């Protein structure tokens, strides 16, 4: 299988899917490229995009600064000690290691990672890599492509568009989806989409609201 779009489409509920039309059907990307080349369309040679499509330069931080401005704020460790200054919390990503902007070295010599971003206080919290690990994910605002699954189920959880599904036990309620992972995931941020599967079938999706280590 090539790039599976089910993760992206999982935000749609049953009614929205029932009113959706996919004109390419089961046509593969390779077939579309071949047809585009046959018709002499330049897009046939366009490489796959791995960035935000409307920011072709790839400078996401610069694009945001141009529109939101920038506001300096503290970078703190897990104990709350200020160890640096950032120039816009929105330019950081949970799990980021490079370009954090901390001048002083760590006591143990290990690199620091962005653990979380606190927009209300405009604070970026950093710490050791193992502090990024989460074993349970809770998402709210659930959507289901069909009937809501009942009880706990064995399946897979996916939290990135092209990420690897992780074996888990999940449970869907009217207000949440909870996934207990067999193996911890790193670098998960609130606001990401949690999609749960049985086999290759989407069972539901939700917006990550909290995680547990």
C-alpha atoms as a PDB file:
ATOM      1  CA  UNK A   1       0.000   0.000   0.000  1.00  0.00           C
ATOM      2  CA  UNK A   2       1.199   3.530  -0.766  1.00  0.00           C
ATOM      3  CA  UNK A   3       0.333   6.543   1.312  1.00  0.00           C
ATOM      4  CA  UNK A   4      -2.860   5.724   3.164  1.00  0.00           C
ATOM      5  CA  UNK A   5      -5.207   8.725   3.454  1.00  0.00           C
ATOM      6  CA  UNK A   6      -7.458   7.132   6.085  1.00  0.00           C
ATOM      7  CA  UNK A   7      -5.779   9.067   8.919  1.00  0.00           C
ATOM      8  CA  UNK A   8      -6.647  12.389   7.270  1.00  0.00           C
ATOM      9  CA  UNK A   9     -10.194  11.324   6.392  1.00  0.00           C
ATOM     10  CA  UNK A  10     -10.833   9.970   9.891  1.00  0.00           C
ATOM     11  CA  UNK A  11     -11.959  13.418  11.064  1.00  0.00           C
ATOM     12  CA  UNK A  12     -15.162  12.937   9.033  1.00  0.00           C
ATOM     13  CA  UNK A  13     -18.212  11.387  10.649  1.00  0.00           C
ATOM     14  CA  UNK A  14     -20.604   8.921   9.019  1.00  0.00           C
ATOM     15  CA  UNK A  15     -22.924  11.608   7.619  1.00  0.00           C
ATOM     16  CA  UNK A  16     -20.054  13.584   6.095  1.00  0.00           C
ATOM     17  CA  UNK A  17     -18.591  10.449   4.519  1.00  0.00           C
ATOM     18  CA  UNK A  18     -21.994   9.550   3.086  1.00  0.00           C
ATOM     19  CA  UNK A  19     -22.014  12.899   1.248  1.00  0.00           C
ATOM     20  CA  UNK A  20     -18.400  12.688   0.056  1.00  0.00           C
ATOM     21  CA  UNK A  21     -17.343  11.884  -3.494  1.00  0.00           C
ATOM     22  CA  UNK A  22     -13.875  10.692  -4.475  1.00  0.00           C
ATOM     23  CA  UNK A  23     -13.525  11.141  -8.238  1.00  0.00           C
ATOM     24  CA  UNK A  24     -10.234   9.235  -8.475  1.00  0.00           C
ATOM     25  CA  UNK A  25     -11.734   6.183  -6.803  1.00  0.00           C
ATOM     26  CA  UNK A  26      -9.078   3.493  -6.375  1.00  0.00           C
ATOM     27  CA  UNK A  27      -6.744   5.007  -8.974  1.00  0.00           C
ATOM     28  CA  UNK A  28      -3.148   4.967  -7.723  1.00  0.00           C
ATOM     29  CA  UNK A  29      -0.850   7.983  -7.611  1.00  0.00           C
ATOM     30  CA  UNK A  30       1.439   6.260 -10.117  1.00  0.00           C
ATOM     31  CA  UNK A  31      -1.434   5.934 -12.601  1.00  0.00           C
ATOM     32  CA  UNK A  32      -2.368   9.589 -12.151  1.00  0.00           C
ATOM     33  CA  UNK A  33       1.228  10.668 -12.743  1.00  0.00           C
ATOM     34  CA  UNK A  34       1.425   8.528 -15.879  1.00  0.00           C
ATOM     35  CA  UNK A  35      -1.769  10.072 -17.227  1.00  0.00           C
ATOM     36  CA  UNK A  36      -0.539  13.579 -16.383  1.00  0.00           C
ATOM     37  CA  UNK A  37       2.723  12.872 -18.224  1.00  0.00           C
ATOM     38  CA  UNK A  38       0.822  11.512 -21.226  1.00  0.00           C
ATOM     39  CA  UNK A  39      -1.140  14.762 -21.360  1.00  0.00           C
ATOM     40  CA  UNK A  40       2.018  16.847 -21.026  1.00  0.00           C
ATOM     41  CA  UNK A  41       1.120  18.336 -17.631  1.00  0.00           C
ATOM     42  CA  UNK A  42       4.064  19.748 -15.682  1.00  0.00           C
ATOM     43  CA  UNK A  43       2.602  18.503 -12.387  1.00  0.00           C
ATOM     44  CA  UNK A  44       3.531  14.960 -13.453  1.00  0.00           C
ATOM     45  CA  UNK A  45       7.126  15.665 -12.409  1.00  0.00           C
ATOM     46  CA  UNK A  46       6.297  17.550  -9.211  1.00  0.00           C
ATOM     47  CA  UNK A  47       7.889  15.828  -6.190  1.00  0.00           C
ATOM     48  CA  UNK A  48       5.775  14.711  -3.250  1.00  0.00           C
ATOM     49  CA  UNK A  49       5.228  17.423  -0.659  1.00  0.00           C
ATOM     50  CA  UNK A  50       6.240  16.708   2.926  1.00  0.00           C
ATOM     51  CA  UNK A  51       5.663  20.233   4.204  1.00  0.00           C
ATOM     52  CA  UNK A  52       2.642  22.495   4.585  1.00  0.00           C
ATOM     53  CA  UNK A  53       1.457  22.980   1.016  1.00  0.00           C
ATOM     54  CA  UNK A  54       0.783  26.723   1.324  1.00  0.00           C
ATOM     55  CA  UNK A  55       4.268  27.424   2.753  1.00  0.00           C
ATOM     56  CA  UNK A  56       6.445  26.335  -0.184  1.00  0.00           C
ATOM     57  CA  UNK A  57       9.615  27.796   1.343  1.00  0.00           C
ATOM     58  CA  UNK A  58       9.319  25.448   4.329  1.00  0.00           C
ATOM     59  CA  UNK A  59       9.891  28.372   6.723  1.00  0.00           C
ATOM     60  CA  UNK A  60       6.891  27.690   8.942  1.00  0.00           C
ATOM     61  CA  UNK A  61       8.201  29.846  11.800  1.00  0.00           C
ATOM     62  CA  UNK A  62       8.795  32.828   9.506  1.00  0.00           C
ATOM     63  CA  UNK A  63       5.345  32.470   7.961  1.00  0.00           C
ATOM     64  CA  UNK A  64       3.754  32.558  11.417  1.00  0.00           C
ATOM     65  CA  UNK A  65       5.874  35.490  12.618  1.00  0.00           C
ATOM     66  CA  UNK A  66       4.828  37.551   9.590  1.00  0.00           C
ATOM     67  CA  UNK A  67       1.188  37.073  10.582  1.00  0.00           C
ATOM     68  CA  UNK A  68       1.293  36.828  14.374  1.00  0.00           C
ATOM     69  CA  UNK A  69       4.316  38.904  15.274  1.00  0.00           C
ATOM     70  CA  UNK A  70       6.610  37.566  17.969  1.00  0.00           C
ATOM     71  CA  UNK A  71       6.656  37.787  21.737  1.00  0.00           C
ATOM     72  CA  UNK A  72       9.631  36.751  23.842  1.00  0.00           C
ATOM     73  CA  UNK A  73       9.027  34.355  26.703  1.00  0.00           C
ATOM     74  CA  UNK A  74      10.841  32.007  29.086  1.00  0.00           C
ATOM     75  CA  UNK A  75      12.256  28.580  28.356  1.00  0.00           C
ATOM     76  CA  UNK A  76      12.143  26.570  31.588  1.00  0.00           C
ATOM     77  CA  UNK A  77      13.182  23.112  32.729  1.00  0.00           C
ATOM     78  CA  UNK A  78      10.846  20.668  34.467  1.00  0.00           C
ATOM     79  CA  UNK A  79      11.624  22.281  37.827  1.00  0.00           C
ATOM     80  CA  UNK A  80      10.474  25.668  36.524  1.00  0.00           C
ATOM     81  CA  UNK A  81      13.961  27.189  36.386  1.00  0.00           C
ATOM     82  CA  UNK A  82      14.350  29.724  33.568  1.00  0.00           C
ATOM     83  CA  UNK A  83      17.229  28.566  31.357  1.00  0.00           C
ATOM     84  CA  UNK A  84      16.646  30.575  28.192  1.00  0.00           C
ATOM     85  CA  UNK A  85      14.424  32.907  26.193  1.00  0.00           C
ATOM     86  CA  UNK A  86      12.356  32.137  23.103  1.00  0.00           C
ATOM     87  CA  UNK A  87      11.095  34.563  20.461  1.00  0.00           C
ATOM     88  CA  UNK A  88       7.670  33.030  19.904  1.00  0.00           C
ATOM     89  CA  UNK A  89       6.344  29.852  21.522  1.00  0.00           C
ATOM     90  CA  UNK A  90       4.381  29.017  18.371  1.00  0.00           C
ATOM     91  CA  UNK A  91       7.657  28.327  16.532  1.00  0.00           C
ATOM     92  CA  UNK A  92       8.377  25.276  18.727  1.00  0.00           C
ATOM     93  CA  UNK A  93       7.173  21.701  18.360  1.00  0.00           C
ATOM     94  CA  UNK A  94       6.829  19.057  21.066  1.00  0.00           C
ATOM     95  CA  UNK A  95       9.760  16.672  20.644  1.00  0.00           C
ATOM     96  CA  UNK A  96      12.000  19.302  19.040  1.00  0.00           C
ATOM     97  CA  UNK A  97      15.694  19.052  19.942  1.00  0.00           C
ATOM     98  CA  UNK A  98      17.572  21.350  17.565  1.00  0.00           C
ATOM     99  CA  UNK A  99      17.322  25.117  17.542  1.00  0.00           C
ATOM    100  CA  UNK A 100      15.737  25.460  20.977  1.00  0.00           C
ATOM    101  CA  UNK A 101      17.967  28.410  21.848  1.00  0.00           C
ATOM    102  CA  UNK A 102      19.454  27.417  25.189  1.00  0.00           C
ATOM    103  CA  UNK A 103      22.923  28.783  25.803  1.00  0.00           C
ATOM    104  CA  UNK A 104      23.914  26.852  28.919  1.00  0.00           C
ATOM    105  CA  UNK A 105      24.831  23.142  28.744  1.00  0.00           C
ATOM    106  CA  UNK A 106      22.982  20.518  30.761  1.00  0.00           C
ATOM    107  CA  UNK A 107      24.550  19.235  33.974  1.00  0.00           C
ATOM    108  CA  UNK A 108      24.464  15.630  32.745  1.00  0.00           C
ATOM    109  CA  UNK A 109      25.528  16.523  29.195  1.00  0.00           C
ATOM    110  CA  UNK A 110      22.355  15.106  27.634  1.00  0.00           C
ATOM    111  CA  UNK A 111      20.339  17.093  25.074  1.00  0.00           C
ATOM    112  CA  UNK A 112      17.056  18.741  26.004  1.00  0.00           C
ATOM    113  CA  UNK A 113      13.792  18.346  24.110  1.00  0.00           C
ATOM    114  CA  UNK A 114      10.643  20.445  24.021  1.00  0.00           C
ATOM    115  CA  UNK A 115       8.228  18.678  26.378  1.00  0.00           C
ATOM    116  CA  UNK A 116       5.278  21.022  26.150  1.00  0.00           C
ATOM    117  CA  UNK A 117       4.226  24.523  25.183  1.00  0.00           C
ATOM    118  CA  UNK A 118       2.115  26.597  27.574  1.00  0.00           C
ATOM    119  CA  UNK A 119       0.489  29.311  25.436  1.00  0.00           C
ATOM    120  CA  UNK A 120      -1.304  31.110  28.284  1.00  0.00           C
ATOM    121  CA  UNK A 121       1.985  31.893  30.051  1.00  0.00           C
ATOM    122  CA  UNK A 122       3.964  31.953  26.768  1.00  0.00           C
ATOM    123  CA  UNK A 123       6.339  29.355  28.215  1.00  0.00           C
ATOM    124  CA  UNK A 124       8.308  26.551  26.563  1.00  0.00           C
ATOM    125  CA  UNK A 125       9.142  23.616  28.863  1.00  0.00           C
ATOM    126  CA  UNK A 126      12.144  21.416  28.050  1.00  0.00           C
ATOM    127  CA  UNK A 127      13.595  18.255  29.540  1.00  0.00           C
ATOM    128  CA  UNK A 128      15.100  14.828  28.928  1.00  0.00           C
ATOM    129  CA  UNK A 129      13.990  12.631  26.032  1.00  0.00           C
ATOM    130  CA  UNK A 130      12.396   9.994  28.262  1.00  0.00           C
ATOM    131  CA  UNK A 131       9.995  12.630  29.605  1.00  0.00           C
ATOM    132  CA  UNK A 132       8.392  12.690  26.132  1.00  0.00           C
ATOM    133  CA  UNK A 133       7.175   9.097  26.422  1.00  0.00           C
ATOM    134  CA  UNK A 134       3.423   8.564  26.779  1.00  0.00           C
ATOM    135  CA  UNK A 135       1.639   5.256  27.348  1.00  0.00           C
ATOM    136  CA  UNK A 136      -1.971   6.442  27.363  1.00  0.00           C
ATOM    137  CA  UNK A 137      -3.695   8.951  25.095  1.00  0.00           C
ATOM    138  CA  UNK A 138      -7.065  10.586  25.710  1.00  0.00           C
ATOM    139  CA  UNK A 139      -8.869  12.453  22.953  1.00  0.00           C
ATOM    140  CA  UNK A 140     -12.088  14.446  23.054  1.00  0.00           C
ATOM    141  CA  UNK A 141     -14.605  15.472  20.372  1.00  0.00           C
ATOM    142  CA  UNK A 142     -14.747  11.918  18.960  1.00  0.00           C
ATOM    143  CA  UNK A 143     -15.958  11.177  15.432  1.00  0.00           C
ATOM    144  CA  UNK A 144     -17.027   7.768  14.179  1.00  0.00           C
ATOM    145  CA  UNK A 145     -17.372   6.610  10.546  1.00  0.00           C
ATOM    146  CA  UNK A 146     -20.109   4.207  11.609  1.00  0.00           C
ATOM    147  CA  UNK A 147     -21.584   2.838  14.821  1.00  0.00           C
ATOM    148  CA  UNK A 148     -19.520   3.719  17.894  1.00  0.00           C
ATOM    149  CA  UNK A 149     -17.493   0.658  18.982  1.00  0.00           C
ATOM    150  CA  UNK A 150     -18.618  -0.777  22.322  1.00  0.00           C
ATOM    151  CA  UNK A 151     -16.286  -1.710  25.179  1.00  0.00           C
ATOM    152  CA  UNK A 152     -12.532  -2.111  25.129  1.00  0.00           C
ATOM    153  CA  UNK A 153     -11.090  -3.300  21.813  1.00  0.00           C
ATOM    154  CA  UNK A 154      -7.686  -4.488  20.596  1.00  0.00           C
ATOM    155  CA  UNK A 155      -6.390  -2.484  17.685  1.00  0.00           C
ATOM    156  CA  UNK A 156      -3.946   0.199  16.652  1.00  0.00           C
ATOM    157  CA  UNK A 157      -3.496   3.894  17.397  1.00  0.00           C
ATOM    158  CA  UNK A 158      -2.021   6.410  14.964  1.00  0.00           C
ATOM    159  CA  UNK A 159      -1.169  10.022  15.816  1.00  0.00           C
ATOM    160  CA  UNK A 160       0.577  11.287  12.663  1.00  0.00           C
ATOM    161  CA  UNK A 161      -0.487  11.329   9.029  1.00  0.00           C
ATOM    162  CA  UNK A 162       2.279   8.975   7.923  1.00  0.00           C
ATOM    163  CA  UNK A 163       3.179   7.570  11.314  1.00  0.00           C
ATOM    164  CA  UNK A 164       3.364   3.897  12.196  1.00  0.00           C
ATOM    165  CA  UNK A 165       0.222   2.519  13.881  1.00  0.00           C
ATOM    166  CA  UNK A 166       0.967   1.333  17.427  1.00  0.00           C
ATOM    167  CA  UNK A 167      -0.761  -1.722  18.962  1.00  0.00           C
ATOM    168  CA  UNK A 168      -3.112  -0.697  21.750  1.00  0.00           C
ATOM    169  CA  UNK A 169      -6.304  -1.312  23.670  1.00  0.00           C
ATOM    170  CA  UNK A 170      -8.814   1.439  22.956  1.00  0.00           C
ATOM    171  CA  UNK A 171     -12.212   2.422  24.275  1.00  0.00           C
ATOM    172  CA  UNK A 172     -14.689   4.811  22.686  1.00  0.00           C
ATOM    173  CA  UNK A 173     -17.354   6.690  24.626  1.00  0.00           C
ATOM    174  CA  UNK A 174     -19.725   9.440  23.553  1.00  0.00           C
ATOM    175  CA  UNK A 175     -17.234  12.079  24.705  1.00  0.00           C
ATOM    176  CA  UNK A 176     -13.749  10.529  24.505  1.00  0.00           C
ATOM    177  CA  UNK A 177     -11.498   7.951  22.903  1.00  0.00           C
ATOM    178  CA  UNK A 178      -8.802   6.454  25.141  1.00  0.00           C
ATOM    179  CA  UNK A 179      -5.892   4.393  23.813  1.00  0.00           C
ATOM    180  CA  UNK A 180      -3.576   2.408  26.108  1.00  0.00           C
ATOM    181  CA  UNK A 181      -0.432   1.730  24.110  1.00  0.00           C
ATOM    182  CA  UNK A 182       1.598  -1.486  24.138  1.00  0.00           C
ATOM    183  CA  UNK A 183       4.762   0.592  23.626  1.00  0.00           C
ATOM    184  CA  UNK A 184       5.253   4.271  24.566  1.00  0.00           C
ATOM    185  CA  UNK A 185       5.155   6.988  21.915  1.00  0.00           C
ATOM    186  CA  UNK A 186       7.451  10.021  21.933  1.00  0.00           C
ATOM    187  CA  UNK A 187       6.756  13.637  21.086  1.00  0.00           C
ATOM    188  CA  UNK A 188       2.959  13.656  21.172  1.00  0.00           C
ATOM    189  CA  UNK A 189       1.262  17.046  21.513  1.00  0.00           C
ATOM    190  CA  UNK A 190      -2.270  18.009  22.473  1.00  0.00           C
ATOM    191  CA  UNK A 191      -4.262  18.996  19.418  1.00  0.00           C
ATOM    192  CA  UNK A 192      -2.987  16.139  17.261  1.00  0.00           C
ATOM    193  CA  UNK A 193      -5.498  13.683  15.862  1.00  0.00           C
ATOM    194  CA  UNK A 194      -5.774  10.267  17.511  1.00  0.00           C
ATOM    195  CA  UNK A 195      -7.131   7.660  15.092  1.00  0.00           C
ATOM    196  CA  UNK A 196      -7.901   4.105  16.226  1.00  0.00           C
ATOM    197  CA  UNK A 197      -8.094   1.132  13.892  1.00  0.00           C
ATOM    198  CA  UNK A 198      -9.099  -2.507  13.844  1.00  0.00           C
ATOM    199  CA  UNK A 199      -6.923  -3.953  11.118  1.00  0.00           C
ATOM    200  CA  UNK A 200      -6.973  -1.317   8.382  1.00  0.00           C
ATOM    201  CA  UNK A 201     -10.468  -0.079   9.236  1.00  0.00           C
ATOM    202  CA  UNK A 202     -10.901   3.277  10.972  1.00  0.00           C
ATOM    203  CA  UNK A 203     -13.019   2.847  14.095  1.00  0.00           C
ATOM    204  CA  UNK A 204     -12.917   6.442  15.308  1.00  0.00           C
ATOM    205  CA  UNK A 205     -10.874   9.595  15.743  1.00  0.00           C
ATOM    206  CA  UNK A 206     -10.544  12.299  18.381  1.00  0.00           C
ATOM    207  CA  UNK A 207      -8.478  15.373  19.195  1.00  0.00           C
ATOM    208  CA  UNK A 208      -5.733  14.622  21.735  1.00  0.00           C
ATOM    209  CA  UNK A 209      -6.564  16.490  24.948  1.00  0.00           C
ATOM    210  CA  UNK A 210      -4.206  14.837  27.437  1.00  0.00           C
ATOM    211  CA  UNK A 211      -1.616  12.104  27.770  1.00  0.00           C
ATOM    212  CA  UNK A 212      -0.225   9.953  30.578  1.00  0.00           C
ATOM    213  CA  UNK A 213       3.264   8.561  30.989  1.00  0.00           C
END
